[in-house]
């Protein structure tokens, strides 16, 4: 296994490991479940960023969703709390839906 030296290496490792939509879905489901248990917004928003980067660049994703790139980065860094409609838009562009199970 590759040695991971810092947080950015870990993020890149995860991004590269999420090869399919199914991988991304499982990753986001786990992150969402963790968030519901520990209320760690920062961790959940970082997982959204990783999922976005696994599918596209943040700039490309921003163009597709109509959400400003700077706004996405401020969400991913937990500088702003997104509206629920923004989270839905992100999930929709990733190809997923949220549902109550």
C-alpha atoms as a PDB file:
ATOM      1  CA  UNK A   1       0.000   0.000   0.000  1.00  0.00           C
ATOM      2  CA  UNK A   2       1.185   3.509  -0.789  1.00  0.00           C
ATOM      3  CA  UNK A   3       2.470   5.550   2.170  1.00  0.00           C
ATOM      4  CA  UNK A   4       0.273   8.575   2.823  1.00  0.00           C
ATOM      5  CA  UNK A   5       2.218  11.568   4.129  1.00  0.00           C
ATOM      6  CA  UNK A   6      -0.412  14.258   4.693  1.00  0.00           C
ATOM      7  CA  UNK A   7      -4.073  15.157   4.373  1.00  0.00           C
ATOM      8  CA  UNK A   8      -3.741  16.171   0.725  1.00  0.00           C
ATOM      9  CA  UNK A   9      -2.155  12.810  -0.100  1.00  0.00           C
ATOM     10  CA  UNK A  10      -5.044  11.075   1.668  1.00  0.00           C
ATOM     11  CA  UNK A  11      -7.596  13.149  -0.253  1.00  0.00           C
ATOM     12  CA  UNK A  12      -5.893  12.364  -3.574  1.00  0.00           C
ATOM     13  CA  UNK A  13      -5.731   8.683  -2.637  1.00  0.00           C
ATOM     14  CA  UNK A  14      -9.472   8.603  -1.919  1.00  0.00           C
ATOM     15  CA  UNK A  15     -10.329  10.582  -5.086  1.00  0.00           C
ATOM     16  CA  UNK A  16      -8.325   8.135  -7.193  1.00  0.00           C
ATOM     17  CA  UNK A  17      -9.870   5.155  -5.395  1.00  0.00           C
ATOM     18  CA  UNK A  18     -13.444   6.258  -6.203  1.00  0.00           C
ATOM     19  CA  UNK A  19     -13.482   4.828  -9.712  1.00  0.00           C
ATOM     20  CA  UNK A  20     -17.172   4.148 -10.254  1.00  0.00           C
ATOM     21  CA  UNK A  21     -20.504   5.731  -9.416  1.00  0.00           C
ATOM     22  CA  UNK A  22     -21.113   2.815  -7.055  1.00  0.00           C
ATOM     23  CA  UNK A  23     -17.857   3.589  -5.193  1.00  0.00           C
ATOM     24  CA  UNK A  24     -18.870   7.239  -4.879  1.00  0.00           C
ATOM     25  CA  UNK A  25     -22.364   6.287  -3.715  1.00  0.00           C
ATOM     26  CA  UNK A  26     -21.015   4.003  -0.997  1.00  0.00           C
ATOM     27  CA  UNK A  27     -18.542   6.684   0.098  1.00  0.00           C
ATOM     28  CA  UNK A  28     -21.246   9.365   0.310  1.00  0.00           C
ATOM     29  CA  UNK A  29     -23.682   7.044   2.115  1.00  0.00           C
ATOM     30  CA  UNK A  30     -21.029   6.261   4.721  1.00  0.00           C
ATOM     31  CA  UNK A  31     -20.177   9.930   5.091  1.00  0.00           C
ATOM     32  CA  UNK A  32     -23.839  10.891   5.463  1.00  0.00           C
ATOM     33  CA  UNK A  33     -24.399   8.188   8.108  1.00  0.00           C
ATOM     34  CA  UNK A  34     -21.324   9.407   9.990  1.00  0.00           C
ATOM     35  CA  UNK A  35     -22.614  12.972   9.814  1.00  0.00           C
ATOM     36  CA  UNK A  36     -25.990  11.935  11.227  1.00  0.00           C
ATOM     37  CA  UNK A  37     -24.189  10.332  14.179  1.00  0.00           C
ATOM     38  CA  UNK A  38     -21.529  12.927  14.947  1.00  0.00           C
ATOM     39  CA  UNK A  39     -22.917  16.154  13.366  1.00  0.00           C
ATOM     40  CA  UNK A  40     -19.486  16.876  11.847  1.00  0.00           C
ATOM     41  CA  UNK A  41     -20.422  19.226   8.998  1.00  0.00           C
ATOM     42  CA  UNK A  42     -16.802  19.705   8.004  1.00  0.00           C
ATOM     43  CA  UNK A  43     -16.224  16.003   7.399  1.00  0.00           C
ATOM     44  CA  UNK A  44     -19.436  15.666   5.383  1.00  0.00           C
ATOM     45  CA  UNK A  45     -18.688  18.710   3.218  1.00  0.00           C
ATOM     46  CA  UNK A  46     -15.143  17.457   2.593  1.00  0.00           C
ATOM     47  CA  UNK A  47     -16.614  14.149   1.429  1.00  0.00           C
ATOM     48  CA  UNK A  48     -18.797  16.066  -1.037  1.00  0.00           C
ATOM     49  CA  UNK A  49     -15.676  17.798  -2.343  1.00  0.00           C
ATOM     50  CA  UNK A  50     -13.904  14.456  -2.749  1.00  0.00           C
ATOM     51  CA  UNK A  51     -16.922  13.019  -4.590  1.00  0.00           C
ATOM     52  CA  UNK A  52     -17.018  16.054  -6.889  1.00  0.00           C
ATOM     53  CA  UNK A  53     -13.288  15.694  -7.619  1.00  0.00           C
ATOM     54  CA  UNK A  54     -13.753  11.991  -8.339  1.00  0.00           C
ATOM     55  CA  UNK A  55     -16.267  12.900 -11.068  1.00  0.00           C
ATOM     56  CA  UNK A  56     -14.885  16.204 -12.404  1.00  0.00           C
ATOM     57  CA  UNK A  57     -12.888  19.278 -11.477  1.00  0.00           C
ATOM     58  CA  UNK A  58     -14.508  21.704  -9.064  1.00  0.00           C
ATOM     59  CA  UNK A  59     -14.536  24.325 -11.838  1.00  0.00           C
ATOM     60  CA  UNK A  60     -16.203  21.950 -14.298  1.00  0.00           C
ATOM     61  CA  UNK A  61     -18.717  20.845 -11.692  1.00  0.00           C
ATOM     62  CA  UNK A  62     -19.485  24.475 -10.833  1.00  0.00           C
ATOM     63  CA  UNK A  63     -20.262  25.237 -14.465  1.00  0.00           C
ATOM     64  CA  UNK A  64     -22.566  22.222 -14.751  1.00  0.00           C
ATOM     65  CA  UNK A  65     -24.516  23.082 -11.596  1.00  0.00           C
ATOM     66  CA  UNK A  66     -24.535  26.850 -11.959  1.00  0.00           C
ATOM     67  CA  UNK A  67     -23.032  27.163  -8.472  1.00  0.00           C
ATOM     68  CA  UNK A  68     -20.076  29.541  -8.323  1.00  0.00           C
ATOM     69  CA  UNK A  69     -16.750  27.761  -7.884  1.00  0.00           C
ATOM     70  CA  UNK A  70     -15.853  30.064  -4.993  1.00  0.00           C
ATOM     71  CA  UNK A  71     -19.158  29.219  -3.315  1.00  0.00           C
ATOM     72  CA  UNK A  72     -18.456  25.494  -3.638  1.00  0.00           C
ATOM     73  CA  UNK A  73     -15.012  25.936  -2.098  1.00  0.00           C
ATOM     74  CA  UNK A  74     -16.476  27.961   0.780  1.00  0.00           C
ATOM     75  CA  UNK A  75     -18.928  25.106   1.422  1.00  0.00           C
ATOM     76  CA  UNK A  76     -16.229  22.449   1.226  1.00  0.00           C
ATOM     77  CA  UNK A  77     -14.095  24.412   3.703  1.00  0.00           C
ATOM     78  CA  UNK A  78     -17.081  24.788   6.051  1.00  0.00           C
ATOM     79  CA  UNK A  79     -16.952  28.574   5.754  1.00  0.00           C
ATOM     80  CA  UNK A  80     -20.623  28.681   4.761  1.00  0.00           C
ATOM     81  CA  UNK A  81     -23.514  26.378   5.512  1.00  0.00           C
ATOM     82  CA  UNK A  82     -25.336  25.473   2.301  1.00  0.00           C
ATOM     83  CA  UNK A  83     -29.036  25.613   1.719  1.00  0.00           C
ATOM     84  CA  UNK A  84     -30.703  22.233   1.453  1.00  0.00           C
ATOM     85  CA  UNK A  85     -31.455  23.002  -2.198  1.00  0.00           C
ATOM     86  CA  UNK A  86     -27.702  23.381  -2.839  1.00  0.00           C
ATOM     87  CA  UNK A  87     -26.972  19.965  -1.323  1.00  0.00           C
ATOM     88  CA  UNK A  88     -29.724  18.459  -3.485  1.00  0.00           C
ATOM     89  CA  UNK A  89     -28.267  20.163  -6.580  1.00  0.00           C
ATOM     90  CA  UNK A  90     -24.824  18.733  -5.787  1.00  0.00           C
ATOM     91  CA  UNK A  91     -26.197  15.230  -5.279  1.00  0.00           C
ATOM     92  CA  UNK A  92     -28.285  15.483  -8.441  1.00  0.00           C
ATOM     93  CA  UNK A  93     -25.288  16.522 -10.568  1.00  0.00           C
ATOM     94  CA  UNK A  94     -23.297  13.652  -9.044  1.00  0.00           C
ATOM     95  CA  UNK A  95     -26.099  11.389 -10.285  1.00  0.00           C
ATOM     96  CA  UNK A  96     -27.684  10.571  -6.931  1.00  0.00           C
ATOM     97  CA  UNK A  97     -30.836  11.341  -4.983  1.00  0.00           C
ATOM     98  CA  UNK A  98     -31.447  11.661  -1.259  1.00  0.00           C
ATOM     99  CA  UNK A  99     -34.212   9.565   0.178  1.00  0.00           C
ATOM    100  CA  UNK A 100     -35.464   8.568   3.588  1.00  0.00           C
ATOM    101  CA  UNK A 101     -34.763   4.941   4.343  1.00  0.00           C
END
